[in-house]
Amino acid sequence: MMQMLSAGGMSALTDGLRSADANNPRGYYELESVKSLAKDSHIIAEGDDKVIKVVSSLLNLLPNQHEYQVIFMRRPLAEVVASQDRMLERLGKKVDPTPREVVIKAFERHLKDVQSWISNQPNMSVLYTDYPAVLGNPHAEARKVTTFLERNFDVAAMARQVEVALHRERIRA
């Protein structure tokens, strides 16, 4: 989504510290200082009219004095867990032995809590975007994002950022 927004014409607030690798060959579009929102939230002010990647567990740390348009990417949780495990393996790190079903249940509870919290924030509007939908019809999803953000983005350029071949951790029913 970060690549789509950038290609569409929006500036991304990133630091380039986490470069492309085997896990994410197109790069991460992250800002390391976002992880420190609890201690120092001034970085958000630098993101005015820019897109910033913030993981769901940090959304509640965003300063209340700003208005936010949140594009919340949802992905099948079994794929998220499989992808994280595979990334750890590629990095030569130990995969947590906790059964996947337990991890998925914990993620489900977390997401339910976050979505409930967002719904009560008067300074946040949210567009829930499903990862499989982006892969399946990137033009339609890019149009939804454009409408939500009320921008005149280059929808075709946004859609061209979707590379289905990078969806490697598919969970088949």
Protein backbone atom coordinates (compact mmCIF):
# COMPACT_ATOMS: atom_id res chain seq x y z
CA MET A 1 0.00 0.00 0.00
CA MET A 2 2.85 2.39 0.76
CA GLN A 3 4.25 1.79 -2.71
CA MET A 4 0.81 2.29 -4.23
CA LEU A 5 0.33 5.61 -2.43
CA SER A 6 3.79 6.83 -3.46
CA ALA A 7 3.24 5.85 -7.07
CA GLY A 8 -0.14 7.58 -6.98
CA GLY A 9 1.47 10.86 -6.04
CA MET A 10 1.66 11.01 -2.26
CA SER A 11 4.93 11.61 -0.42
CA ALA A 12 5.94 8.93 2.05
CA LEU A 13 7.73 9.74 5.28
CA THR A 14 10.42 7.06 5.44
CA ASP A 15 14.03 6.86 6.53
CA GLY A 16 15.40 4.09 4.29
CA LEU A 17 17.04 2.35 7.26
CA ARG A 18 15.43 -0.98 6.47
CA SER A 19 16.41 -1.70 2.91
CA ALA A 20 15.01 -4.25 0.49
CA ASP A 21 15.96 -7.84 1.23
CA ALA A 22 14.90 -11.40 0.40
CA ASN A 23 11.84 -11.01 2.62
CA ASN A 24 10.70 -7.82 0.97
CA PRO A 25 12.53 -7.26 -2.32
CA ARG A 26 10.71 -3.97 -3.00
CA GLY A 27 11.60 -2.40 0.33
CA TYR A 28 9.77 -1.57 3.52
CA TYR A 29 8.76 2.11 3.37
CA GLU A 30 9.18 2.41 7.12
CA LEU A 31 10.20 5.09 9.57
CA GLU A 32 12.12 3.62 12.50
CA SER A 33 11.22 6.48 14.85
CA VAL A 34 7.52 5.51 14.62
CA LYS A 35 8.37 2.65 16.97
CA SER A 36 9.09 5.29 19.64
CA LEU A 37 5.72 7.03 19.52
CA ALA A 38 5.15 6.31 23.23
CA LYS A 39 8.22 8.37 24.14
CA ASP A 40 8.25 10.97 21.38
CA SER A 41 5.34 11.63 19.06
CA HIS A 42 6.70 14.79 17.39
CA ILE A 43 7.60 12.82 14.27
CA ILE A 44 3.92 12.70 13.34
CA ALA A 45 3.87 16.47 12.83
CA GLU A 46 6.53 16.00 10.12
CA GLY A 47 4.12 13.69 8.34
CA ASP A 48 1.53 16.36 7.60
CA ASP A 49 0.11 15.58 4.15
CA LYS A 50 2.37 12.53 3.87
CA VAL A 51 1.79 8.84 4.31
CA ILE A 52 3.42 7.10 7.28
CA LYS A 53 3.38 3.38 7.96
CA VAL A 54 2.18 2.67 11.51
CA VAL A 55 1.56 -0.88 12.69
CA SER A 56 -1.77 -1.56 14.37
CA SER A 57 -0.30 -1.92 17.86
CA LEU A 58 0.97 1.67 17.73
CA LEU A 59 -2.15 3.42 16.43
CA ASN A 60 -3.33 4.27 19.94
CA LEU A 61 -0.08 6.20 20.49
CA LEU A 62 -0.79 8.71 17.73
CA PRO A 63 -1.19 12.23 19.13
CA ASN A 64 -4.83 13.28 19.49
CA GLN A 65 -4.31 16.78 18.14
CA HIS A 66 -4.03 15.55 14.54
CA GLU A 67 -6.63 14.23 12.11
CA TYR A 68 -5.84 10.83 10.57
CA GLN A 69 -7.00 8.98 7.51
CA VAL A 70 -6.08 5.38 8.23
CA ILE A 71 -5.81 2.77 5.52
CA PHE A 72 -5.95 -0.44 7.50
CA MET A 73 -4.59 -3.36 5.52
CA ARG A 74 -6.17 -6.67 6.48
CA ARG A 75 -4.56 -9.92 5.47
CA PRO A 76 -5.57 -13.49 6.32
CA LEU A 77 -3.92 -14.06 9.68
CA ALA A 78 -2.68 -17.54 8.79
CA GLU A 79 -0.73 -15.89 5.97
CA VAL A 80 0.63 -13.21 8.30
CA VAL A 81 1.92 -15.81 10.74
CA ALA A 82 3.35 -17.97 7.95
CA SER A 83 5.04 -14.93 6.42
CA GLN A 84 6.54 -13.85 9.74
CA ASP A 85 7.81 -17.37 10.43
CA ARG A 86 9.33 -17.60 6.96
CA MET A 87 10.99 -14.20 7.38
CA LEU A 88 12.57 -15.34 10.66
CA GLU A 89 13.80 -18.52 8.99
CA ARG A 90 15.37 -16.52 6.14
CA LEU A 91 17.11 -14.36 8.72
CA GLY A 92 18.41 -17.43 10.54
CA LYS A 93 16.37 -16.65 13.64
CA LYS A 94 14.38 -19.02 15.80
CA VAL A 95 10.67 -19.30 15.08
CA ASP A 96 8.52 -19.13 18.21
CA PRO A 97 7.25 -22.64 18.97
CA THR A 98 3.81 -21.37 20.00
CA PRO A 99 1.20 -23.18 17.91
CA ARG A 100 0.01 -21.08 14.98
CA GLU A 101 -3.61 -21.39 16.11
CA VAL A 102 -2.73 -19.71 19.42
CA VAL A 103 -0.87 -16.90 17.65
CA ILE A 104 -3.74 -16.39 15.22
CA LYS A 105 -6.26 -16.19 18.08
CA ALA A 106 -4.08 -13.57 19.79
CA PHE A 107 -3.92 -11.55 16.55
CA GLU A 108 -7.70 -11.85 16.17
CA ARG A 109 -8.23 -10.43 19.67
CA HIS A 110 -5.74 -7.65 19.00
CA LEU A 111 -7.39 -6.67 15.73
CA LYS A 112 -10.84 -6.70 17.28
CA ASP A 113 -9.59 -4.41 20.06
CA VAL A 114 -7.84 -2.06 17.62
CA GLN A 115 -10.85 -1.83 15.33
CA SER A 116 -13.11 -1.11 18.29
CA TRP A 117 -10.71 1.56 19.51
CA ILE A 118 -10.49 3.21 16.06
CA SER A 119 -14.28 3.34 15.80
CA ASN A 120 -14.31 5.54 18.93
CA GLN A 121 -11.70 8.03 17.72
CA PRO A 122 -13.28 11.26 16.46
CA ASN A 123 -10.01 12.29 14.79
CA MET A 124 -9.70 9.13 12.68
CA SER A 125 -11.43 7.96 9.56
CA VAL A 126 -10.60 4.47 8.35
CA LEU A 127 -10.69 2.50 5.14
CA TYR A 128 -10.36 -1.23 5.70
CA THR A 129 -8.60 -2.74 2.71
CA ASP A 130 -8.26 -6.47 2.23
CA TYR A 131 -4.92 -7.70 0.97
CA PRO A 132 -6.49 -10.41 -1.24
CA ALA A 133 -8.73 -7.74 -2.84
CA VAL A 134 -5.70 -5.57 -3.62
CA LEU A 135 -4.01 -8.55 -5.27
CA GLY A 136 -7.15 -9.57 -7.12
CA ASN A 137 -8.22 -6.17 -8.44
CA PRO A 138 -5.60 -3.50 -7.79
CA HIS A 139 -7.34 -0.90 -9.98
CA ALA A 140 -10.59 -1.13 -8.01
CA GLU A 141 -8.77 -0.98 -4.68
CA ALA A 142 -6.66 1.97 -5.86
CA ARG A 143 -9.87 3.80 -6.80
CA LYS A 144 -11.30 3.12 -3.33
CA VAL A 145 -8.17 4.57 -1.74
CA THR A 146 -8.32 7.61 -4.03
CA THR A 147 -11.96 8.21 -3.11
CA PHE A 148 -11.30 7.73 0.60
CA LEU A 149 -8.36 10.15 0.63
CA GLU A 150 -10.20 12.57 -1.68
CA ARG A 151 -7.15 12.83 -3.93
CA ASN A 152 -6.62 12.79 -7.65
CA PHE A 153 -4.09 9.97 -7.65
CA ASP A 154 -2.70 8.16 -10.67
CA VAL A 155 -4.77 4.99 -10.23
CA ALA A 156 -2.99 3.12 -13.03
CA ALA A 157 0.42 3.84 -11.47
CA MET A 158 -0.90 2.70 -8.11
CA ALA A 159 -2.20 -0.56 -9.56
CA ARG A 160 1.11 -1.25 -11.31
CA GLN A 161 2.79 -1.47 -7.90
CA VAL A 162 0.93 -4.68 -7.06
CA GLU A 163 3.18 -7.62 -7.80
CA VAL A 164 1.22 -10.81 -7.25
CA ALA A 165 4.38 -12.93 -7.54
CA LEU A 166 5.52 -11.49 -4.19
CA HIS A 167 2.51 -13.04 -2.45
CA ARG A 168 4.54 -16.07 -1.48
CA GLU A 169 2.95 -17.23 1.78
CA ARG A 170 -0.48 -18.22 0.52
CA ILE A 171 -2.68 -20.35 2.71
CA ARG A 172 -4.87 -22.60 0.64
CA ALA A 173 -8.13 -23.94 1.98
